[in-house]
Amino acid sequence: MKAQLLGLSAISLLFLAGGMCCGVGIPGLYARDDVGYRCTGFDDCPFAVGAAVTIAAYPDEEIREVSIDDPSLANLEISEGDVIVRPTAAGRVTLTATLEDDIVLPTTLVFAERATTRVTAVTDITLNSYSGPPQVFAGAAFDVIADHRDAADRPLRGSGLENWSITGGSFAAPPHDAVRRVVAGSDPKLIVGARPDGTPLEVDVLPPGSTARIELERSNYGSVGEIDTLAMRDEAVTWFSVSAFAANGRFIYGVPAGGELTMTTDNATVATAHSVSGSAMRIDVIARAPGSTVLTIAFDGITRSFRIDVY
């Protein structure tokens, strides 16, 4: 029997994921794009006219046939079990996808013209602080996206509308098609654009030695301020994230070229500290035996030290 499933929201996907873990595995459609986390369904984020959007089926399903009720509004292509949708005009269509096991999935798609484009950082290079332009260290790498919007300021899905440009840095290989990885150079200003008529991202680039202070945030405790002593139970583990700030009080993203975050304890039998793989600015502290030791954290010429008492 053919099953039909209407367009699913992001919340629905979570429930379905839970169902799949228990062997239910309800099929559905989703867009392989960069703005899906801001959308609750296909209706919330229209597809950009002139762009390309890839629709896939889950869990591990391949699309065998696809059609729309108004072929004049988009071109469709099946590629490796997915469907590439290329809207040619604004409007609303019903897309019907047939999977390998004859399950039929209809969903409504909205196509809209691009009105504005702004380059935004996918990586949090501001630490949620917007008191001034973002600041990064020379050599720091982060990801950006072209945030296309329609006349109603809705985010648009799709890539292919971009004409990327960069000054004061370079592009590295992107994680996927719609995201570009940027590497800051040594110039004091980095500018990344996606379209001549769009709004570029402007970032201040700082040299090594620009750190005026470092702040620590402990797991489950938030900012620890000027900590003097940390008490830990024997064999306990805690972690700290380290953030660098310039003399202007604003956060600096990244690690200076050739630099690193270091951490040492003066008595490794009591406690040890080490960096966390994949996170250049996080430290794990492990209590080993009762006693006291001093942990020293150093970054870009700034140090913080405090005693650790293990009981």
Protein backbone atom coordinates (compact mmCIF):
# COMPACT_ATOMS: atom_id res chain seq x y z
CA MET A 1 0.00 0.00 0.00
CA LYS A 2 1.33 3.43 -0.92
CA ALA A 3 1.86 5.71 2.04
CA GLN A 4 1.63 9.46 1.82
CA LEU A 5 3.46 11.91 4.07
CA LEU A 6 3.08 15.68 3.97
CA GLY A 7 5.99 18.13 4.49
CA LEU A 8 7.56 17.60 7.88
CA SER A 9 8.78 20.16 10.37
CA ALA A 10 12.17 20.08 12.06
CA ILE A 11 10.41 19.08 15.30
CA SER A 12 8.73 16.21 13.46
CA LEU A 13 12.15 15.06 12.26
CA LEU A 14 13.27 14.73 15.86
CA PHE A 15 10.30 12.55 16.72
CA LEU A 16 10.89 10.45 13.62
CA ALA A 17 14.53 10.05 14.53
CA GLY A 18 13.38 8.72 17.86
CA GLY A 19 11.02 6.36 16.02
CA MET A 20 13.79 5.12 13.78
CA CYS A 21 15.89 4.18 16.77
CA CYS A 22 13.12 1.81 17.79
CA GLY A 23 12.74 0.19 14.38
CA VAL A 24 9.82 2.27 13.05
CA GLY A 25 11.73 4.15 10.31
CA ILE A 26 8.99 6.41 8.86
CA PRO A 27 10.20 7.87 5.51
CA GLY A 28 10.19 11.60 4.81
CA LEU A 29 11.82 14.35 2.79
CA TYR A 30 14.30 17.02 3.83
CA ALA A 31 16.50 19.64 2.17
CA ARG A 32 20.27 19.27 2.22
CA ASP A 33 21.03 22.94 2.72
CA ASP A 34 22.56 25.47 5.07
CA VAL A 35 19.52 27.29 6.42
CA GLY A 36 17.42 24.34 7.51
CA TYR A 37 18.19 24.97 11.17
CA ARG A 38 16.28 28.27 10.85
CA CYS A 39 13.25 26.64 9.25
CA THR A 40 10.45 24.52 10.64
CA GLY A 41 9.41 23.21 7.23
CA PHE A 42 9.62 23.73 3.50
CA ASP A 43 7.02 26.53 3.64
CA ASP A 44 9.05 28.65 6.09
CA CYS A 45 12.11 28.95 3.85
CA PRO A 46 11.28 29.31 0.16
CA PHE A 47 13.62 28.03 -2.50
CA ALA A 48 15.49 30.84 -4.24
CA VAL A 49 14.71 31.33 -7.92
CA GLY A 50 17.86 30.62 -9.90
CA ALA A 51 19.47 28.57 -7.13
CA ALA A 52 19.77 24.82 -6.65
CA VAL A 53 18.37 22.90 -3.68
CA THR A 54 18.93 19.19 -3.06
CA ILE A 55 16.05 17.21 -1.55
CA ALA A 56 16.77 13.82 -0.01
CA ALA A 57 14.66 11.09 1.57
CA TYR A 58 15.27 9.44 4.92
CA PRO A 59 16.06 7.05 6.46
CA ASP A 60 18.58 5.90 3.82
CA GLU A 61 15.97 6.05 1.08
CA GLU A 62 16.51 6.75 -2.62
CA ILE A 63 14.11 8.74 -4.77
CA ARG A 64 13.21 6.87 -7.96
CA GLU A 65 10.74 9.26 -9.57
CA VAL A 66 9.81 12.90 -9.02
CA SER A 67 7.40 15.42 -10.51
CA ILE A 68 5.78 18.77 -9.77
CA ASP A 69 2.28 19.90 -10.68
CA ASP A 70 3.56 22.99 -12.54
CA PRO A 71 6.71 22.08 -14.51
CA SER A 72 7.05 25.66 -15.75
CA LEU A 73 8.23 26.79 -12.30
CA ALA A 74 11.27 24.53 -11.82
CA ASN A 75 13.62 22.03 -13.37
CA LEU A 76 14.13 18.70 -11.61
CA GLU A 77 17.04 16.27 -11.74
CA ILE A 78 17.53 12.97 -9.92
CA SER A 79 21.15 12.49 -8.87
CA GLU A 80 22.39 9.59 -6.75
CA GLY A 81 19.00 9.05 -5.18
CA ASP A 82 18.40 12.73 -4.39
CA VAL A 83 16.44 15.38 -6.28
CA ILE A 84 18.01 18.67 -7.35
CA VAL A 85 15.37 21.40 -7.64
CA ARG A 86 16.20 24.50 -9.69
CA PRO A 87 13.35 27.04 -9.50
CA THR A 88 12.90 29.20 -12.59
CA ALA A 89 10.05 31.42 -11.37
CA ALA A 90 8.28 32.40 -8.16
CA GLY A 91 5.26 30.38 -7.13
CA ARG A 92 4.00 27.38 -5.20
CA VAL A 93 4.09 23.76 -6.36
CA THR A 94 3.40 20.29 -5.07
CA LEU A 95 6.39 18.01 -5.48
CA THR A 96 5.69 14.28 -5.49
CA ALA A 97 8.60 11.92 -4.88
CA THR A 98 8.37 8.15 -5.31
CA LEU A 99 10.88 6.04 -3.41
CA GLU A 100 12.39 2.71 -4.44
CA ASP A 101 9.78 0.76 -2.48
CA ASP A 102 6.93 2.74 -4.13
CA ILE A 103 6.26 4.95 -1.14
CA VAL A 104 4.89 8.27 -2.42
CA LEU A 105 5.79 11.48 -0.58
CA PRO A 106 4.07 14.71 -1.67
CA THR A 107 5.15 18.05 -0.22
CA THR A 108 4.54 21.72 -0.97
CA LEU A 109 7.42 23.91 -2.09
CA VAL A 110 7.48 27.70 -2.32
CA PHE A 111 9.76 29.52 -4.77
CA ALA A 112 10.66 33.19 -4.28
CA GLU A 113 12.91 35.80 -5.87
CA ARG A 114 16.00 36.91 -3.99
CA ALA A 115 15.78 40.46 -2.67
CA THR A 116 18.87 40.81 -0.44
CA THR A 117 22.06 38.93 0.35
CA ARG A 118 24.22 39.27 3.43
CA VAL A 119 27.33 37.28 4.28
CA THR A 120 27.14 35.96 7.83
CA ALA A 121 29.44 33.78 9.90
CA VAL A 122 28.19 30.27 10.64
CA THR A 123 30.96 29.93 13.21
CA ASP A 124 30.31 32.05 16.32
CA ILE A 125 33.13 34.57 15.95
CA THR A 126 31.46 37.14 18.22
CA LEU A 127 30.78 35.04 21.34
CA ASN A 128 27.24 36.44 21.11
CA SER A 129 28.58 39.97 21.64
CA TYR A 130 27.68 42.59 19.04
CA SER A 131 29.26 45.72 20.50
CA GLY A 132 31.49 46.15 17.45
CA PRO A 133 32.85 44.39 14.37
CA PRO A 134 33.90 40.77 14.91
CA GLN A 135 37.55 40.28 15.76
CA VAL A 136 39.69 37.29 14.77
CA PHE A 137 43.35 36.45 15.00
CA ALA A 138 45.45 36.50 11.83
CA GLY A 139 45.44 32.95 10.50
CA ALA A 140 42.11 32.03 12.12
CA ALA A 141 39.68 29.99 10.01
CA PHE A 142 35.89 30.16 10.19
CA ASP A 143 32.85 29.38 8.04
CA VAL A 144 30.55 31.86 6.32
CA ILE A 145 27.36 31.61 4.35
CA ALA A 146 25.52 33.79 1.87
CA ASP A 147 22.24 34.57 3.64
CA HIS A 148 19.80 35.19 0.81
CA ARG A 149 16.40 36.70 1.72
CA ASP A 150 13.20 37.42 -0.18
CA ALA A 151 11.19 40.66 -0.06
CA ALA A 152 9.46 39.46 3.13
CA ASP A 153 12.88 38.88 4.78
CA ARG A 154 12.42 35.12 4.77
CA PRO A 155 15.67 33.08 4.50
CA LEU A 156 15.95 31.39 1.12
CA ARG A 157 17.24 27.90 0.55
CA GLY A 158 19.68 27.13 -2.21
CA SER A 159 23.14 27.85 -3.54
CA GLY A 160 24.49 28.97 -6.89
CA LEU A 161 23.54 32.65 -6.70
CA GLU A 162 26.87 33.64 -5.17
CA ASN A 163 29.78 35.49 -6.73
CA TRP A 164 32.24 35.17 -3.87
CA SER A 165 34.99 37.72 -3.25
CA ILE A 166 37.50 38.22 -0.45
CA THR A 167 40.11 40.78 0.55
CA GLY A 168 42.48 40.41 3.48
CA GLY A 169 42.24 36.61 3.50
CA SER A 170 41.64 33.52 1.43
CA PHE A 171 39.07 30.78 0.88
CA ALA A 172 39.80 27.21 1.94
CA ALA A 173 37.93 24.14 0.79
CA PRO A 174 34.30 24.51 1.95
CA PRO A 175 32.75 21.88 4.28
CA HIS A 176 29.89 21.62 1.75
CA ASP A 177 28.62 23.48 -1.28
CA ALA A 178 26.76 26.34 0.40
CA VAL A 179 29.39 27.21 3.02
CA ARG A 180 32.78 28.82 2.43
CA ARG A 181 35.69 28.47 4.83
CA VAL A 182 37.61 31.72 5.30
CA VAL A 183 41.18 32.05 6.51
CA ALA A 184 42.15 35.49 7.81
CA GLY A 185 45.36 36.99 6.47
CA SER A 186 47.60 39.53 8.17
CA ASP A 187 45.80 42.66 6.90
CA PRO A 188 43.90 44.54 9.62
CA LYS A 189 40.57 44.18 7.79
CA LEU A 190 38.97 41.08 6.25
CA ILE A 191 36.03 41.59 3.87
CA VAL A 192 34.00 38.69 2.44
CA GLY A 193 31.32 39.31 -0.18
CA ALA A 194 28.88 36.99 -1.95
CA ARG A 195 27.29 39.35 -4.49
CA PRO A 196 28.11 42.84 -5.79
CA ASP A 197 24.67 44.05 -4.65
CA GLY A 198 24.88 42.31 -1.26
CA THR A 199 26.20 43.22 2.18
CA PRO A 200 29.67 41.83 2.89
CA LEU A 201 30.98 40.59 6.19
CA GLU A 202 33.69 42.85 7.62
CA VAL A 203 36.01 41.49 10.30
CA ASP A 204 38.86 43.13 12.22
CA VAL A 205 42.02 41.02 12.13
CA LEU A 206 44.41 41.21 15.09
CA PRO A 207 48.05 40.10 15.27
CA PRO A 208 49.52 37.78 17.91
CA GLY A 209 49.93 39.51 21.25
CA SER A 210 46.59 41.31 21.05
CA THR A 211 45.08 39.48 24.02
CA ALA A 212 44.58 41.73 27.07
CA ARG A 213 42.84 39.17 29.25
CA ILE A 214 41.49 35.62 29.17
CA GLU A 215 38.26 34.47 30.78
CA LEU A 216 37.41 30.98 31.96
CA GLU A 217 34.04 29.28 31.91
CA ARG A 218 33.67 26.04 33.85
CA SER A 219 31.30 23.24 32.89
CA ASN A 220 27.91 23.67 34.58
CA TYR A 221 29.16 26.75 36.47
CA GLY A 222 29.42 29.51 33.86
CA SER A 223 32.07 32.21 34.14
CA VAL A 224 34.37 31.61 37.11
CA GLY A 225 35.83 35.13 37.29
CA GLU A 226 39.08 35.50 39.23
CA ILE A 227 39.15 31.99 40.65
CA ASP A 228 41.73 31.35 43.41
CA THR A 229 41.05 27.77 44.43
CA LEU A 230 39.17 24.89 42.85
CA ALA A 231 38.05 21.97 45.02
CA MET A 232 37.60 18.63 43.26
CA ARG A 233 36.68 15.18 44.44
CA ASP A 234 39.26 12.48 43.77
CA GLU A 235 38.91 11.04 40.23
CA ALA A 236 36.50 13.81 39.22
CA VAL A 237 36.74 15.49 35.83
CA THR A 238 35.85 19.08 34.96
CA TRP A 239 36.53 21.28 31.97
CA PHE A 240 37.12 24.94 31.21
CA SER A 241 36.58 26.89 28.02
CA VAL A 242 38.99 29.78 27.53
CA SER A 243 38.08 33.04 25.76
CA ALA A 244 40.45 35.82 24.73
CA PHE A 245 39.58 39.52 24.86
CA ALA A 246 41.40 42.53 23.39
CA ALA A 247 42.12 45.83 25.12
CA ASN A 248 38.88 47.21 23.62
CA GLY A 249 36.98 44.63 25.67
CA ARG A 250 35.77 42.63 22.66
CA PHE A 251 36.17 38.90 22.12
CA ILE A 252 38.87 37.63 19.74
CA TYR A 253 38.07 34.45 17.83
CA GLY A 254 40.65 31.82 17.00
CA VAL A 255 44.26 31.09 17.89
CA PRO A 256 47.19 33.26 16.74
CA ALA A 257 49.24 31.76 13.93
CA GLY A 258 51.95 29.62 15.53
CA GLY A 259 50.36 29.95 18.97
CA GLU A 260 48.37 27.61 21.16
CA LEU A 261 46.61 27.30 24.49
CA THR A 262 48.83 25.61 27.06
CA MET A 263 48.08 24.23 30.50
CA THR A 264 50.31 22.70 33.17
CA THR A 265 50.05 21.52 36.76
CA ASP A 266 53.03 21.58 39.11
CA ASN A 267 52.07 18.21 40.66
CA ALA A 268 50.74 15.73 38.09
CA THR A 269 50.14 13.10 40.77
CA VAL A 270 47.35 15.29 42.18
CA ALA A 271 45.74 16.54 38.96
CA THR A 272 46.49 16.78 35.25
CA ALA A 273 45.19 19.06 32.52
CA HIS A 274 45.11 18.62 28.76
CA SER A 275 43.52 20.15 25.69
CA VAL A 276 40.46 18.55 24.11
CA SER A 277 40.72 17.14 20.61
CA GLY A 278 38.78 19.26 18.13
CA SER A 279 38.46 22.20 20.52
CA ALA A 280 41.50 24.49 20.58
CA MET A 281 40.18 26.56 23.51
CA ARG A 282 38.96 23.89 25.93
CA ILE A 283 40.80 22.25 28.83
CA ASP A 284 39.95 19.05 30.72
CA VAL A 285 41.15 18.80 34.32
CA ILE A 286 41.34 15.35 35.93
CA ALA A 287 41.75 14.84 39.68
CA ARG A 288 44.19 11.99 40.31
CA ALA A 289 44.81 11.81 44.08
CA PRO A 290 44.20 13.86 47.26
CA GLY A 291 46.49 16.84 47.61
CA SER A 292 47.09 20.29 46.14
CA THR A 293 48.56 21.53 42.88
CA VAL A 294 48.66 24.75 40.87
CA LEU A 295 47.17 24.87 37.39
CA THR A 296 48.63 27.48 35.03
CA ILE A 297 46.87 28.38 31.78
CA ALA A 298 48.71 30.43 29.17
CA PHE A 299 47.46 31.94 25.91
CA ASP A 300 48.93 34.62 23.67
CA GLY A 301 51.18 36.00 26.42
CA ILE A 302 48.50 36.01 29.15
CA THR A 303 48.52 33.55 32.05
CA ARG A 304 46.00 32.52 34.71
CA SER A 305 46.92 30.37 37.71
CA PHE A 306 44.91 28.91 40.57
CA ARG A 307 45.23 26.13 43.14
CA ILE A 308 43.41 22.83 42.83
CA ASP A 309 42.61 20.98 46.08
CA VAL A 310 41.68 17.33 45.58
CA TYR A 311 39.92 15.60 48.46
